[in-house]
Amino acid sequence: GSLRLSCAASGVSLGSHYMGWYRQRPGEQRELVARIGTGLTIVYDE
């Protein structure tokens, strides 16, 4: 299946920042799974 996650921010303009989505599996450390730069450079975890 599919889901669409959203992240809304206040107190900062996200357009100036390199943003990422992190995942924390049960019992594990938080890990970066996707990131997007201000120039729309995108990197994904394998």
Full PDB file with SEQRES, HELIX, SHEET, SSBOND, CRYST1, ORIGX, SCALE, CONECT and MASTER records, all heavy atoms in Angstrom:
SEQRES   1 A   46  GLY SER LEU ARG LEU SER CYS ALA ALA SER GLY VAL SER          
SEQRES   2 A   46  LEU GLY SER HIS TYR MET GLY TRP TYR ARG GLN ARG PRO          
SEQRES   3 A   46  GLY GLU GLN ARG GLU LEU VAL ALA ARG ILE GLY THR GLY          
SEQRES   4 A   46  LEU THR ILE VAL TYR ASP GLU                                  
HELIX    1 AA1 LEU A   14  SER A   16  5                                   3    
SHEET    1 AA1 3 MET A  19  GLN A  24  0                                        
SHEET    2 AA1 3 ARG A  30  ILE A  36 -1                                        
SHEET    3 AA1 3 ILE A  42  TYR A  44 -1                                        
CRYST1    1.000    1.000    1.000  90.00  90.00  90.00 P 1           1          
ORIGX1      1.000000  0.000000  0.000000        0.00000                         
ORIGX2      0.000000  1.000000  0.000000        0.00000                         
ORIGX3      0.000000  0.000000  1.000000        0.00000                         
SCALE1      1.000000  0.000000  0.000000        0.00000                         
SCALE2      0.000000  1.000000  0.000000        0.00000                         
SCALE3      0.000000  0.000000  1.000000        0.00000                         
ATOM      1  N   GLY A   1       0.800  -1.207   0.000  1.00  0.00           N  
ATOM      2  CA  GLY A   1       0.000   0.000   0.000  1.00  0.00           C  
ATOM      3  C   GLY A   1       0.839   1.266   0.000  1.00  0.00           C  
ATOM      4  O   GLY A   1       2.069   1.222  -0.079  1.00  0.00           O  
ATOM      5  N   SER A   2       0.145   2.395   0.097  1.00  0.00           N  
ATOM      6  CA  SER A   2       0.800   3.702   0.028  1.00  0.00           C  
ATOM      7  C   SER A   2       0.312   4.615   1.149  1.00  0.00           C  
ATOM      8  O   SER A   2      -0.819   4.473   1.636  1.00  0.00           O  
ATOM      9  CB  SER A   2       0.503   4.376  -1.319  1.00  0.00           C  
ATOM     10  OG  SER A   2       0.998   3.620  -2.399  1.00  0.00           O  
ATOM     11  N   LEU A   3       1.170   5.533   1.518  1.00  0.00           N  
ATOM     12  CA  LEU A   3       0.828   6.605   2.441  1.00  0.00           C  
ATOM     13  C   LEU A   3       1.561   7.858   2.002  1.00  0.00           C  
ATOM     14  O   LEU A   3       2.634   7.777   1.387  1.00  0.00           O  
ATOM     15  CB  LEU A   3       1.245   6.267   3.881  1.00  0.00           C  
ATOM     16  CG  LEU A   3       0.434   5.224   4.641  1.00  0.00           C  
ATOM     17  CD1 LEU A   3       1.148   4.866   5.952  1.00  0.00           C  
ATOM     18  CD2 LEU A   3      -0.970   5.712   4.927  1.00  0.00           C  
ATOM     19  N   ARG A   4       0.993   9.006   2.356  1.00  0.00           N  
ATOM     20  CA  ARG A   4       1.688  10.265   2.102  1.00  0.00           C  
ATOM     21  C   ARG A   4       1.826  10.996   3.420  1.00  0.00           C  
ATOM     22  O   ARG A   4       0.827  11.355   4.057  1.00  0.00           O  
ATOM     23  CB  ARG A   4       0.911  11.130   1.115  1.00  0.00           C  
ATOM     24  CG  ARG A   4       1.676  12.376   0.677  1.00  0.00           C  
ATOM     25  CD  ARG A   4       0.785  13.313  -0.079  1.00  0.00           C  
ATOM     26  NE  ARG A   4       1.540  14.354  -0.774  1.00  0.00           N  
ATOM     27  CZ  ARG A   4       1.067  15.568  -1.022  1.00  0.00           C  
ATOM     28  NH1 ARG A   4      -0.160  15.895  -0.641  1.00  0.00           N  
ATOM     29  NH2 ARG A   4       1.803  16.459  -1.663  1.00  0.00           N  
ATOM     30  N   LEU A   5       3.055  11.208   3.832  1.00  0.00           N  
ATOM     31  CA  LEU A   5       3.339  11.925   5.065  1.00  0.00           C  
ATOM     32  C   LEU A   5       3.567  13.400   4.763  1.00  0.00           C  
ATOM     33  O   LEU A   5       4.099  13.760   3.712  1.00  0.00           O  
ATOM     34  CB  LEU A   5       4.578  11.359   5.745  1.00  0.00           C  
ATOM     35  CG  LEU A   5       4.595   9.848   6.000  1.00  0.00           C  
ATOM     36  CD1 LEU A   5       5.854   9.475   6.792  1.00  0.00           C  
ATOM     37  CD2 LEU A   5       3.347   9.391   6.717  1.00  0.00           C  
ATOM     38  N   SER A   6       3.179  14.240   5.717  1.00  0.00           N  
ATOM     39  CA  SER A   6       3.395  15.669   5.618  1.00  0.00           C  
ATOM     40  C   SER A   6       4.119  16.159   6.860  1.00  0.00           C  
ATOM     41  O   SER A   6       3.908  15.628   7.955  1.00  0.00           O  
ATOM     42  CB  SER A   6       2.067  16.423   5.476  1.00  0.00           C  
ATOM     43  OG  SER A   6       1.359  16.033   4.330  1.00  0.00           O  
ATOM     44  N   CYS A   7       4.916  17.180   6.683  1.00  0.00           N  
ATOM     45  CA  CYS A   7       5.624  17.821   7.793  1.00  0.00           C  
ATOM     46  C   CYS A   7       5.427  19.315   7.651  1.00  0.00           C  
ATOM     47  O   CYS A   7       5.938  19.925   6.701  1.00  0.00           O  
ATOM     48  CB  CYS A   7       7.105  17.464   7.744  1.00  0.00           C  
ATOM     49  SG  CYS A   7       8.127  18.472   8.845  1.00  0.00           S  
ATOM     50  N   ALA A   8       4.662  19.877   8.566  1.00  0.00           N  
ATOM     51  CA  ALA A   8       4.399  21.309   8.553  1.00  0.00           C  
ATOM     52  C   ALA A   8       5.244  21.981   9.618  1.00  0.00           C  
ATOM     53  O   ALA A   8       5.402  21.450  10.723  1.00  0.00           O  
ATOM     54  CB  ALA A   8       2.928  21.580   8.805  1.00  0.00           C  
ATOM     55  N   ALA A   9       5.790  23.141   9.278  1.00  0.00           N  
ATOM     56  CA  ALA A   9       6.673  23.837  10.197  1.00  0.00           C  
ATOM     57  C   ALA A   9       6.140  25.221  10.537  1.00  0.00           C  
ATOM     58  O   ALA A   9       5.481  25.868   9.726  1.00  0.00           O  
ATOM     59  CB  ALA A   9       8.069  23.962   9.600  1.00  0.00           C  
ATOM     60  N   SER A  10       6.451  25.650  11.736  1.00  0.00           N  
ATOM     61  CA  SER A  10       6.195  27.029  12.139  1.00  0.00           C  
ATOM     62  C   SER A  10       7.453  27.550  12.811  1.00  0.00           C  
ATOM     63  O   SER A  10       8.260  26.782  13.333  1.00  0.00           O  
ATOM     64  CB  SER A  10       4.995  27.122  13.085  1.00  0.00           C  
ATOM     65  OG  SER A  10       5.217  26.359  14.239  1.00  0.00           O  
ATOM     66  N   GLY A  11       7.637  28.869  12.755  1.00  0.00           N  
ATOM     67  CA  GLY A  11       8.807  29.468  13.380  1.00  0.00           C  
ATOM     68  C   GLY A  11      10.051  29.463  12.523  1.00  0.00           C  
ATOM     69  O   GLY A  11      11.111  29.925  12.964  1.00  0.00           O  
ATOM     70  N   VAL A  12       9.945  28.932  11.312  1.00  0.00           N  
ATOM     71  CA  VAL A  12      11.095  28.864  10.414  1.00  0.00           C  
ATOM     72  C   VAL A  12      10.578  28.746   8.994  1.00  0.00           C  
ATOM     73  O   VAL A  12       9.500  28.198   8.764  1.00  0.00           O  
ATOM     74  CB  VAL A  12      12.000  27.665  10.748  1.00  0.00           C  
ATOM     75  CG1 VAL A  12      11.284  26.334  10.486  1.00  0.00           C  
ATOM     76  CG2 VAL A  12      13.310  27.729   9.955  1.00  0.00           C  
ATOM     77  N   SER A  13      11.367  29.246   8.051  1.00  0.00           N  
ATOM     78  CA  SER A  13      11.023  29.068   6.643  1.00  0.00           C  
ATOM     79  C   SER A  13      11.798  27.879   6.124  1.00  0.00           C  
ATOM     80  O   SER A  13      13.026  27.917   5.985  1.00  0.00           O  
ATOM     81  CB  SER A  13      11.389  30.332   5.853  1.00  0.00           C  
ATOM     82  OG  SER A  13      11.162  30.129   4.479  1.00  0.00           O  
ATOM     83  N   LEU A  14      11.095  26.776   5.847  1.00  0.00           N  
ATOM     84  CA  LEU A  14      11.772  25.550   5.433  1.00  0.00           C  
ATOM     85  C   LEU A  14      12.504  25.708   4.111  1.00  0.00           C  
ATOM     86  O   LEU A  14      13.440  24.965   3.824  1.00  0.00           O  
ATOM     87  CB  LEU A  14      10.759  24.408   5.324  1.00  0.00           C  
ATOM     88  CG  LEU A  14      10.127  23.931   6.622  1.00  0.00           C  
ATOM     89  CD1 LEU A  14       9.239  22.721   6.357  1.00  0.00           C  
ATOM     90  CD2 LEU A  14      11.178  23.615   7.671  1.00  0.00           C  
ATOM     91  N   GLY A  15      12.089  26.662   3.299  1.00  0.00           N  
ATOM     92  CA  GLY A  15      12.703  26.842   1.993  1.00  0.00           C  
ATOM     93  C   GLY A  15      14.187  27.149   2.041  1.00  0.00           C  
ATOM     94  O   GLY A  15      14.889  26.970   1.052  1.00  0.00           O  
ATOM     95  N   SER A  16      14.672  27.568   3.194  1.00  0.00           N  
ATOM     96  CA  SER A  16      16.088  27.908   3.327  1.00  0.00           C  
ATOM     97  C   SER A  16      16.919  26.759   3.878  1.00  0.00           C  
ATOM     98  O   SER A  16      18.112  26.932   4.139  1.00  0.00           O  
ATOM     99  CB  SER A  16      16.245  29.106   4.269  1.00  0.00           C  
ATOM    100  OG  SER A  16      15.511  30.210   3.800  1.00  0.00           O  
ATOM    101  N   HIS A  17      16.288  25.597   4.063  1.00  0.00           N  
ATOM    102  CA  HIS A  17      16.961  24.520   4.796  1.00  0.00           C  
ATOM    103  C   HIS A  17      16.935  23.196   4.058  1.00  0.00           C  
ATOM    104  O   HIS A  17      16.027  22.896   3.282  1.00  0.00           O  
ATOM    105  CB  HIS A  17      16.312  24.369   6.169  1.00  0.00           C  
ATOM    106  CG  HIS A  17      16.512  25.569   7.035  1.00  0.00           C  
ATOM    107  ND1 HIS A  17      17.683  25.794   7.732  1.00  0.00           N  
ATOM    108  CD2 HIS A  17      15.704  26.617   7.298  1.00  0.00           C  
ATOM    109  CE1 HIS A  17      17.587  26.932   8.400  1.00  0.00           C  
ATOM    110  NE2 HIS A  17      16.396  27.453   8.140  1.00  0.00           N  
ATOM    111  N   TYR A  18      17.939  22.407   4.364  1.00  0.00           N  
ATOM    112  CA  TYR A  18      18.126  21.056   3.835  1.00  0.00           C  
ATOM    113  C   TYR A  18      17.328  20.143   4.758  1.00  0.00           C  
ATOM    114  O   TYR A  18      17.686  19.976   5.918  1.00  0.00           O  
ATOM    115  CB  TYR A  18      19.605  20.726   3.881  1.00  0.00           C  
ATOM    116  CG  TYR A  18      20.079  19.556   3.072  1.00  0.00           C  
ATOM    117  CD1 TYR A  18      19.230  18.785   2.294  1.00  0.00           C  
ATOM    118  CD2 TYR A  18      21.426  19.223   3.091  1.00  0.00           C  
ATOM    119  CE1 TYR A  18      19.706  17.722   1.554  1.00  0.00           C  
ATOM    120  CE2 TYR A  18      21.915  18.156   2.349  1.00  0.00           C  
ATOM    121  CZ  TYR A  18      21.050  17.404   1.581  1.00  0.00           C  
ATOM    122  OH  TYR A  18      21.524  16.349   0.848  1.00  0.00           O  
ATOM    123  N   MET A  19      16.243  19.588   4.241  1.00  0.00           N  
ATOM    124  CA  MET A  19      15.298  18.859   5.077  1.00  0.00           C  
ATOM    125  C   MET A  19      15.340  17.366   4.817  1.00  0.00           C  
ATOM    126  O   MET A  19      15.634  16.917   3.701  1.00  0.00           O  
ATOM    127  CB  MET A  19      13.875  19.376   4.833  1.00  0.00           C  
ATOM    128  CG  MET A  19      13.669  20.807   5.281  1.00  0.00           C  
ATOM    129  SD  MET A  19      13.917  21.012   7.064  1.00  0.00           S  
ATOM    130  CE  MET A  19      12.600  19.973   7.712  1.00  0.00           C  
ATOM    131  N   GLY A  20      14.999  16.615   5.848  1.00  0.00           N  
ATOM    132  CA  GLY A  20      15.004  15.173   5.697  1.00  0.00           C  
ATOM    133  C   GLY A  20      13.857  14.509   6.430  1.00  0.00           C  
ATOM    134  O   GLY A  20      13.259  15.092   7.347  1.00  0.00           O  
ATOM    135  N   TRP A  21      13.555  13.299   6.014  1.00  0.00           N  
ATOM    136  CA  TRP A  21      12.623  12.430   6.724  1.00  0.00           C  
ATOM    137  C   TRP A  21      13.443  11.322   7.388  1.00  0.00           C  
ATOM    138  O   TRP A  21      14.310  10.709   6.746  1.00  0.00           O  
ATOM    139  CB  TRP A  21      11.604  11.814   5.774  1.00  0.00           C  
ATOM    140  CG  TRP A  21      10.457  12.728   5.466  1.00  0.00           C  
ATOM    141  CD1 TRP A  21      10.318  13.532   4.379  1.00  0.00           C  
ATOM    142  CD2 TRP A  21       9.300  12.934   6.266  1.00  0.00           C  
ATOM    143  NE1 TRP A  21       9.140  14.224   4.448  1.00  0.00           N  
ATOM    144  CE2 TRP A  21       8.490  13.881   5.610  1.00  0.00           C  
ATOM    145  CE3 TRP A  21       8.840  12.413   7.476  1.00  0.00           C  
ATOM    146  CZ2 TRP A  21       7.265  14.318   6.109  1.00  0.00           C  
ATOM    147  CZ3 TRP A  21       7.625  12.837   7.978  1.00  0.00           C  
ATOM    148  CH2 TRP A  21       6.850  13.781   7.299  1.00  0.00           C  
ATOM    149  N   TYR A  22      13.127  11.084   8.645  1.00  0.00           N  
ATOM    150  CA  TYR A  22      13.825  10.103   9.444  1.00  0.00           C  
ATOM    151  C   TYR A  22      12.830   9.021   9.867  1.00  0.00           C  
ATOM    152  O   TYR A  22      11.663   9.307  10.109  1.00  0.00           O  
ATOM    153  CB  TYR A  22      14.411  10.752  10.703  1.00  0.00           C  
ATOM    154  CG  TYR A  22      15.436  11.823  10.416  1.00  0.00           C  
ATOM    155  CD1 TYR A  22      15.048  13.092  10.000  1.00  0.00           C  
ATOM    156  CD2 TYR A  22      16.799  11.567  10.577  1.00  0.00           C  
ATOM    157  CE1 TYR A  22      15.995  14.076   9.737  1.00  0.00           C  
ATOM    158  CE2 TYR A  22      17.741  12.545  10.321  1.00  0.00           C  
ATOM    159  CZ  TYR A  22      17.327  13.798   9.902  1.00  0.00           C  
ATOM    160  OH  TYR A  22      18.265  14.771   9.647  1.00  0.00           O  
ATOM    161  N   ARG A  23      13.335   7.814  10.009  1.00  0.00           N  
ATOM    162  CA  ARG A  23      12.506   6.693  10.455  1.00  0.00           C  
ATOM    163  C   ARG A  23      13.142   6.075  11.698  1.00  0.00           C  
ATOM    164  O   ARG A  23      14.355   5.852  11.743  1.00  0.00           O  
ATOM    165  CB  ARG A  23      12.411   5.621   9.353  1.00  0.00           C  
ATOM    166  CG  ARG A  23      11.702   4.353   9.748  1.00  0.00           C  
ATOM    167  CD  ARG A  23      11.584   3.405   8.569  1.00  0.00           C  
ATOM    168  NE  ARG A  23      12.882   2.971   8.077  1.00  0.00           N  
ATOM    169  CZ  ARG A  23      13.098   2.492   6.849  1.00  0.00           C  
ATOM    170  NH1 ARG A  23      12.089   2.397   5.988  1.00  0.00           N  
ATOM    171  NH2 ARG A  23      14.306   2.104   6.477  1.00  0.00           N  
ATOM    172  N   GLN A  24      12.311   5.785  12.664  1.00  0.00           N  
ATOM    173  CA  GLN A  24      12.775   5.057  13.854  1.00  0.00           C  
ATOM    174  C   GLN A  24      11.977   3.778  13.978  1.00  0.00           C  
ATOM    175  O   GLN A  24      10.794   3.801  14.353  1.00  0.00           O  
ATOM    176  CB  GLN A  24      12.650   5.908  15.118  1.00  0.00           C  
ATOM    177  CG  GLN A  24      13.285   5.243  16.330  1.00  0.00           C  
ATOM    178  CD  GLN A  24      13.485   6.213  17.480  1.00  0.00           C  
ATOM    179  OE1 GLN A  24      12.847   7.249  17.568  1.00  0.00           O  
ATOM    180  NE2 GLN A  24      14.407   5.863  18.368  1.00  0.00           N  
ATOM    181  N   ARG A  25      12.599   2.676  13.641  1.00  0.00           N  
ATOM    182  CA  ARG A  25      11.966   1.367  13.794  1.00  0.00           C  
ATOM    183  C   ARG A  25      11.941   0.994  15.262  1.00  0.00           C  
ATOM    184  O   ARG A  25      12.774   1.464  16.042  1.00  0.00           O  
ATOM    185  CB  ARG A  25      12.726   0.322  13.002  1.00  0.00           C  
ATOM    186  CG  ARG A  25      12.643   0.492  11.492  1.00  0.00           C  
ATOM    187  CD  ARG A  25      13.617  -0.423  10.817  1.00  0.00           C  
ATOM    188  NE  ARG A  25      13.429  -0.499   9.375  1.00  0.00           N  
ATOM    189  CZ  ARG A  25      14.406  -0.709   8.520  1.00  0.00           C  
ATOM    190  NH1 ARG A  25      15.645  -0.876   8.967  1.00  0.00           N  
ATOM    191  NH2 ARG A  25      14.164  -0.785   7.225  1.00  0.00           N  
ATOM    192  N   PRO A  26      11.027   0.132  15.667  1.00  0.00           N  
ATOM    193  CA  PRO A  26      10.951  -0.281  17.080  1.00  0.00           C  
ATOM    194  C   PRO A  26      12.283  -0.819  17.564  1.00  0.00           C  
ATOM    195  O   PRO A  26      12.877  -1.709  16.942  1.00  0.00           O  
ATOM    196  CB  PRO A  26       9.878  -1.371  17.061  1.00  0.00           C  
ATOM    197  CG  PRO A  26       9.028  -1.054  15.875  1.00  0.00           C  
ATOM    198  CD  PRO A  26       9.958  -0.477  14.852  1.00  0.00           C  
ATOM    199  N   GLY A  27      12.777  -0.258  18.661  1.00  0.00           N  
ATOM    200  CA  GLY A  27      14.014  -0.733  19.263  1.00  0.00           C  
ATOM    201  C   GLY A  27      15.286  -0.316  18.545  1.00  0.00           C  
ATOM    202  O   GLY A  27      16.373  -0.777  18.898  1.00  0.00           O  
ATOM    203  N   GLU A  28      15.181   0.546  17.544  1.00  0.00           N  
ATOM    204  CA  GLU A  28      16.352   0.948  16.785  1.00  0.00           C  
ATOM    205  C   GLU A  28      16.579   2.455  16.857  1.00  0.00           C  
ATOM    206  O   GLU A  28      15.729   3.210  17.311  1.00  0.00           O  
ATOM    207  CB  GLU A  28      16.225   0.493  15.330  1.00  0.00           C  
ATOM    208  CG  GLU A  28      16.141  -1.015  15.153  1.00  0.00           C  
ATOM    209  CD  GLU A  28      16.148  -1.432  13.695  1.00  0.00           C  
ATOM    210  OE1 GLU A  28      16.464  -0.591  12.823  1.00  0.00           O  
ATOM    211  OE2 GLU A  28      15.844  -2.604  13.433  1.00  0.00           O  
ATOM    212  N   GLN A  29      17.742   2.869  16.360  1.00  0.00           N  
ATOM    213  CA  GLN A  29      18.069   4.287  16.295  1.00  0.00           C  
ATOM    214  C   GLN A  29      17.298   4.949  15.146  1.00  0.00           C  
ATOM    215  O   GLN A  29      16.906   4.302  14.181  1.00  0.00           O  
ATOM    216  CB  GLN A  29      19.572   4.458  16.024  1.00  0.00           C  
ATOM    217  CG  GLN A  29      20.481   3.863  17.070  1.00  0.00           C  
ATOM    218  CD  GLN A  29      20.841   4.848  18.157  1.00  0.00           C  
ATOM    219  OE1 GLN A  29      20.194   5.881  18.302  1.00  0.00           O  
ATOM    220  NE2 GLN A  29      21.866   4.544  18.929  1.00  0.00           N  
ATOM    221  N   ARG A  30      17.110   6.210  15.259  1.00  0.00           N  
ATOM    222  CA  ARG A  30      16.502   6.989  14.192  1.00  0.00           C  
ATOM    223  C   ARG A  30      17.478   7.039  13.011  1.00  0.00           C  
ATOM    224  O   ARG A  30      18.674   7.251  13.200  1.00  0.00           O  
ATOM    225  CB  ARG A  30      16.219   8.392  14.725  1.00  0.00           C  
ATOM    226  CG  ARG A  30      15.241   9.219  13.937  1.00  0.00           C  
ATOM    227  CD  ARG A  30      14.940  10.485  14.713  1.00  0.00           C  
ATOM    228  NE  ARG A  30      14.127  10.230  15.888  1.00  0.00           N  
ATOM    229  CZ  ARG A  30      14.058  11.051  16.939  1.00  0.00           C  
ATOM    230  NH1 ARG A  30      14.775  12.156  16.936  1.00  0.00           N  
ATOM    231  NH2 ARG A  30      13.295  10.762  17.954  1.00  0.00           N  
ATOM    232  N   GLU A  31      16.959   6.867  11.793  1.00  0.00           N  
ATOM    233  CA  GLU A  31      17.805   6.873  10.613  1.00  0.00           C  
ATOM    234  C   GLU A  31      17.206   7.786   9.542  1.00  0.00           C  
ATOM    235  O   GLU A  31      15.985   7.900   9.412  1.00  0.00           O  
ATOM    236  CB  GLU A  31      17.938   5.451  10.047  1.00  0.00           C  
ATOM    237  CG  GLU A  31      16.610   4.799   9.679  1.00  0.00           C  
ATOM    238  CD  GLU A  31      16.764   3.399   9.101  1.00  0.00           C  
ATOM    239  OE1 GLU A  31      17.879   3.033   8.683  1.00  0.00           O  
ATOM    240  OE2 GLU A  31      15.755   2.675   9.047  1.00  0.00           O  
ATOM    241  N   LEU A  32      18.081   8.387   8.776  1.00  0.00           N  
ATOM    242  CA  LEU A  32      17.666   9.287   7.697  1.00  0.00           C  
ATOM    243  C   LEU A  32      17.319   8.452   6.472  1.00  0.00           C  
ATOM    244  O   LEU A  32      18.159   7.692   5.996  1.00  0.00           O  
ATOM    245  CB  LEU A  32      18.797  10.264   7.382  1.00  0.00           C  
ATOM    246  CG  LEU A  32      18.574  11.278   6.276  1.00  0.00           C  
ATOM    247  CD1 LEU A  32      17.434  12.218   6.616  1.00  0.00           C  
ATOM    248  CD2 LEU A  32      19.854  12.075   6.031  1.00  0.00           C  
ATOM    249  N   VAL A  33      16.102   8.589   5.947  1.00  0.00           N  
ATOM    250  CA  VAL A  33      15.713   7.778   4.795  1.00  0.00           C  
ATOM    251  C   VAL A  33      15.591   8.583   3.513  1.00  0.00           C  
ATOM    252  O   VAL A  33      15.671   8.023   2.418  1.00  0.00           O  
ATOM    253  CB  VAL A  33      14.392   7.011   5.046  1.00  0.00           C  
ATOM    254  CG1 VAL A  33      14.556   6.026   6.191  1.00  0.00           C  
ATOM    255  CG2 VAL A  33      13.234   7.963   5.330  1.00  0.00           C  
ATOM    256  N   ALA A  34      15.403   9.898   3.621  1.00  0.00           N  
ATOM    257  CA  ALA A  34      15.287  10.726   2.417  1.00  0.00           C  
ATOM    258  C   ALA A  34      15.615  12.159   2.785  1.00  0.00           C  
ATOM    259  O   ALA A  34      15.267  12.608   3.883  1.00  0.00           O  
ATOM    260  CB  ALA A  34      13.885  10.645   1.830  1.00  0.00           C  
ATOM    261  N   ARG A  35      16.283  12.870   1.875  1.00  0.00           N  
ATOM    262  CA  ARG A  35      16.599  14.261   2.148  1.00  0.00           C  
ATOM    263  C   ARG A  35      16.481  15.064   0.856  1.00  0.00           C  
ATOM    264  O   ARG A  35      16.723  14.544  -0.231  1.00  0.00           O  
ATOM    265  CB  ARG A  35      17.964  14.409   2.790  1.00  0.00           C  
ATOM    266  CG  ARG A  35      19.125  13.813   2.025  1.00  0.00           C  
ATOM    267  CD  ARG A  35      20.362  13.873   2.914  1.00  0.00           C  
ATOM    268  NE  ARG A  35      21.601  13.608   2.221  1.00  0.00           N  
ATOM    269  CZ  ARG A  35      22.251  12.458   2.231  1.00  0.00           C  
ATOM    270  NH1 ARG A  35      21.735  11.434   2.869  1.00  0.00           N  
ATOM    271  NH2 ARG A  35      23.381  12.329   1.584  1.00  0.00           N  
ATOM    272  N   ILE A  36      16.158  16.341   1.032  1.00  0.00           N  
ATOM    273  CA  ILE A  36      15.969  17.225  -0.114  1.00  0.00           C  
ATOM    274  C   ILE A  36      16.601  18.569   0.190  1.00  0.00           C  
ATOM    275  O   ILE A  36      16.363  19.162   1.244  1.00  0.00           O  
ATOM    276  CB  ILE A  36      14.462  17.362  -0.461  1.00  0.00           C  
ATOM    277  CG1 ILE A  36      14.269  18.246  -1.691  1.00  0.00           C  
ATOM    278  CG2 ILE A  36      13.665  17.891   0.731  1.00  0.00           C  
ATOM    279  CD1 ILE A  36      12.853  18.157  -2.266  1.00  0.00           C  
ATOM    280  N   GLY A  37      17.443  19.025  -0.714  1.00  0.00           N  
ATOM    281  CA  GLY A  37      18.133  20.278  -0.534  1.00  0.00           C  
ATOM    282  C   GLY A  37      17.325  21.459  -1.040  1.00  0.00           C  
ATOM    283  O   GLY A  37      16.279  21.307  -1.666  1.00  0.00           O  
ATOM    284  N   THR A  38      17.849  22.635  -0.794  1.00  0.00           N  
ATOM    285  CA  THR A  38      17.177  23.853  -1.252  1.00  0.00           C  
ATOM    286  C   THR A  38      17.180  23.940  -2.780  1.00  0.00           C  
ATOM    287  O   THR A  38      16.307  24.558  -3.366  1.00  0.00           O  
ATOM    288  CB  THR A  38      17.846  25.090  -0.660  1.00  0.00           C  
ATOM    289  OG1 THR A  38      19.236  25.073  -0.991  1.00  0.00           O  
ATOM    290  CG2 THR A  38      17.707  25.114   0.866  1.00  0.00           C  
ATOM    291  N   GLY A  39      18.164  23.319  -3.396  1.00  0.00           N  
ATOM    292  CA  GLY A  39      18.214  23.263  -4.852  1.00  0.00           C  
ATOM    293  C   GLY A  39      17.531  22.035  -5.406  1.00  0.00           C  
ATOM    294  O   GLY A  39      17.709  21.687  -6.579  1.00  0.00           O  
ATOM    295  N   LEU A  40      16.752  21.370  -4.560  1.00  0.00           N  
ATOM    296  CA  LEU A  40      15.988  20.167  -4.888  1.00  0.00           C  
ATOM    297  C   LEU A  40      16.854  18.951  -5.157  1.00  0.00           C  
ATOM    298  O   LEU A  40      16.411  17.990  -5.773  1.00  0.00           O  
ATOM    299  CB  LEU A  40      15.031  20.414  -6.065  1.00  0.00           C  
ATOM    300  CG  LEU A  40      13.989  21.515  -5.837  1.00  0.00           C  
ATOM    301  CD1 LEU A  40      13.055  21.620  -7.022  1.00  0.00           C  
ATOM    302  CD2 LEU A  40      13.204  21.276  -4.552  1.00  0.00           C  
ATOM    303  N   THR A  41      18.099  18.981  -4.706  1.00  0.00           N  
ATOM    304  CA  THR A  41      18.909  17.764  -4.717  1.00  0.00           C  
ATOM    305  C   THR A  41      18.277  16.767  -3.754  1.00  0.00           C  
ATOM    306  O   THR A  41      17.961  17.104  -2.621  1.00  0.00           O  
ATOM    307  CB  THR A  41      20.335  18.073  -4.250  1.00  0.00           C  
ATOM    308  OG1 THR A  41      20.905  19.051  -5.122  1.00  0.00           O  
ATOM    309  CG2 THR A  41      21.186  16.817  -4.257  1.00  0.00           C  
ATOM    310  N   ILE A  42      18.107  15.549  -4.224  1.00  0.00           N  
ATOM    311  CA  ILE A  42      17.412  14.529  -3.430  1.00  0.00           C  
ATOM    312  C   ILE A  42      18.288  13.293  -3.289  1.00  0.00           C  
ATOM    313  O   ILE A  42      18.904  12.855  -4.259  1.00  0.00           O  
ATOM    314  CB  ILE A  42      16.073  14.155  -4.092  1.00  0.00           C  
ATOM    315  CG1 ILE A  42      15.094  15.324  -3.993  1.00  0.00           C  
ATOM    316  CG2 ILE A  42      15.469  12.911  -3.455  1.00  0.00           C  
ATOM    317  CD1 ILE A  42      13.809  15.115  -4.739  1.00  0.00           C  
ATOM    318  N   VAL A  43      18.327  12.752  -2.084  1.00  0.00           N  
ATOM    319  CA  VAL A  43      19.075  11.526  -1.823  1.00  0.00           C  
ATOM    320  C   VAL A  43      18.196  10.596  -1.005  1.00  0.00           C  
ATOM    321  O   VAL A  43      17.527  11.037  -0.060  1.00  0.00           O  
ATOM    322  CB  VAL A  43      20.386  11.821  -1.060  1.00  0.00           C  
ATOM    323  CG1 VAL A  43      21.133  10.526  -0.788  1.00  0.00           C  
ATOM    324  CG2 VAL A  43      21.261  12.790  -1.833  1.00  0.00           C  
ATOM    325  N   TYR A  44      18.205   9.313  -1.355  1.00  0.00           N  
ATOM    326  CA  TYR A  44      17.430   8.309  -0.626  1.00  0.00           C  
ATOM    327  C   TYR A  44      18.337   7.245  -0.053  1.00  0.00           C  
ATOM    328  O   TYR A  44      19.358   6.883  -0.647  1.00  0.00           O  
ATOM    329  CB  TYR A  44      16.422   7.626  -1.557  1.00  0.00           C  
ATOM    330  CG  TYR A  44      15.382   8.543  -2.125  1.00  0.00           C  
ATOM    331  CD1 TYR A  44      15.465   8.992  -3.443  1.00  0.00           C  
ATOM    332  CD2 TYR A  44      14.312   8.971  -1.348  1.00  0.00           C  
ATOM    333  CE1 TYR A  44      14.505   9.845  -3.965  1.00  0.00           C  
ATOM    334  CE2 TYR A  44      13.348   9.821  -1.867  1.00  0.00           C  
ATOM    335  CZ  TYR A  44      13.457  10.259  -3.173  1.00  0.00           C  
ATOM    336  OH  TYR A  44      12.505  11.105  -3.680  1.00  0.00           O  
ATOM    337  N   ASP A  45      17.929   6.721   1.074  1.00  0.00           N  
ATOM    338  CA  ASP A  45      18.576   5.524   1.598  1.00  0.00           C  
ATOM    339  C   ASP A  45      18.241   4.370   0.657  1.00  0.00           C  
ATOM    340  O   ASP A  45      17.153   4.325   0.062  1.00  0.00           O  
ATOM    341  CB  ASP A  45      18.060   5.251   3.015  1.00  0.00           C  
ATOM    342  CG  ASP A  45      18.741   4.061   3.643  1.00  0.00           C  
ATOM    343  OD1 ASP A  45      19.864   4.224   4.148  1.00  0.00           O  
ATOM    344  OD2 ASP A  45      18.151   2.955   3.615  1.00  0.00           O  
ATOM    345  N   GLU A  46      19.161   3.410   0.560  1.00  0.00           N  
ATOM    346  CA  GLU A  46      18.948   2.280  -0.338  1.00  0.00           C  
ATOM    347  C   GLU A  46      17.678   1.509  -0.007  1.00  0.00           C  
ATOM    348  O   GLU A  46      17.045   0.932  -0.890  1.00  0.00           O  
ATOM    349  CB  GLU A  46      20.142   1.332  -0.282  1.00  0.00           C  
ATOM    350  CG  GLU A  46      21.372   1.821  -1.025  1.00  0.00           C  
ATOM    351  CD  GLU A  46      21.131   1.953  -2.520  1.00  0.00           C  
ATOM    352  OE1 GLU A  46      20.424   1.095  -3.096  1.00  0.00           O  
ATOM    353  OE2 GLU A  46      21.645   2.911  -3.122  1.00  0.00           O  
TER     354      GLU A  46                                                      
MASTER        0    0    0    1    3    0    0    6  353    1    0    4          
END                                                                             
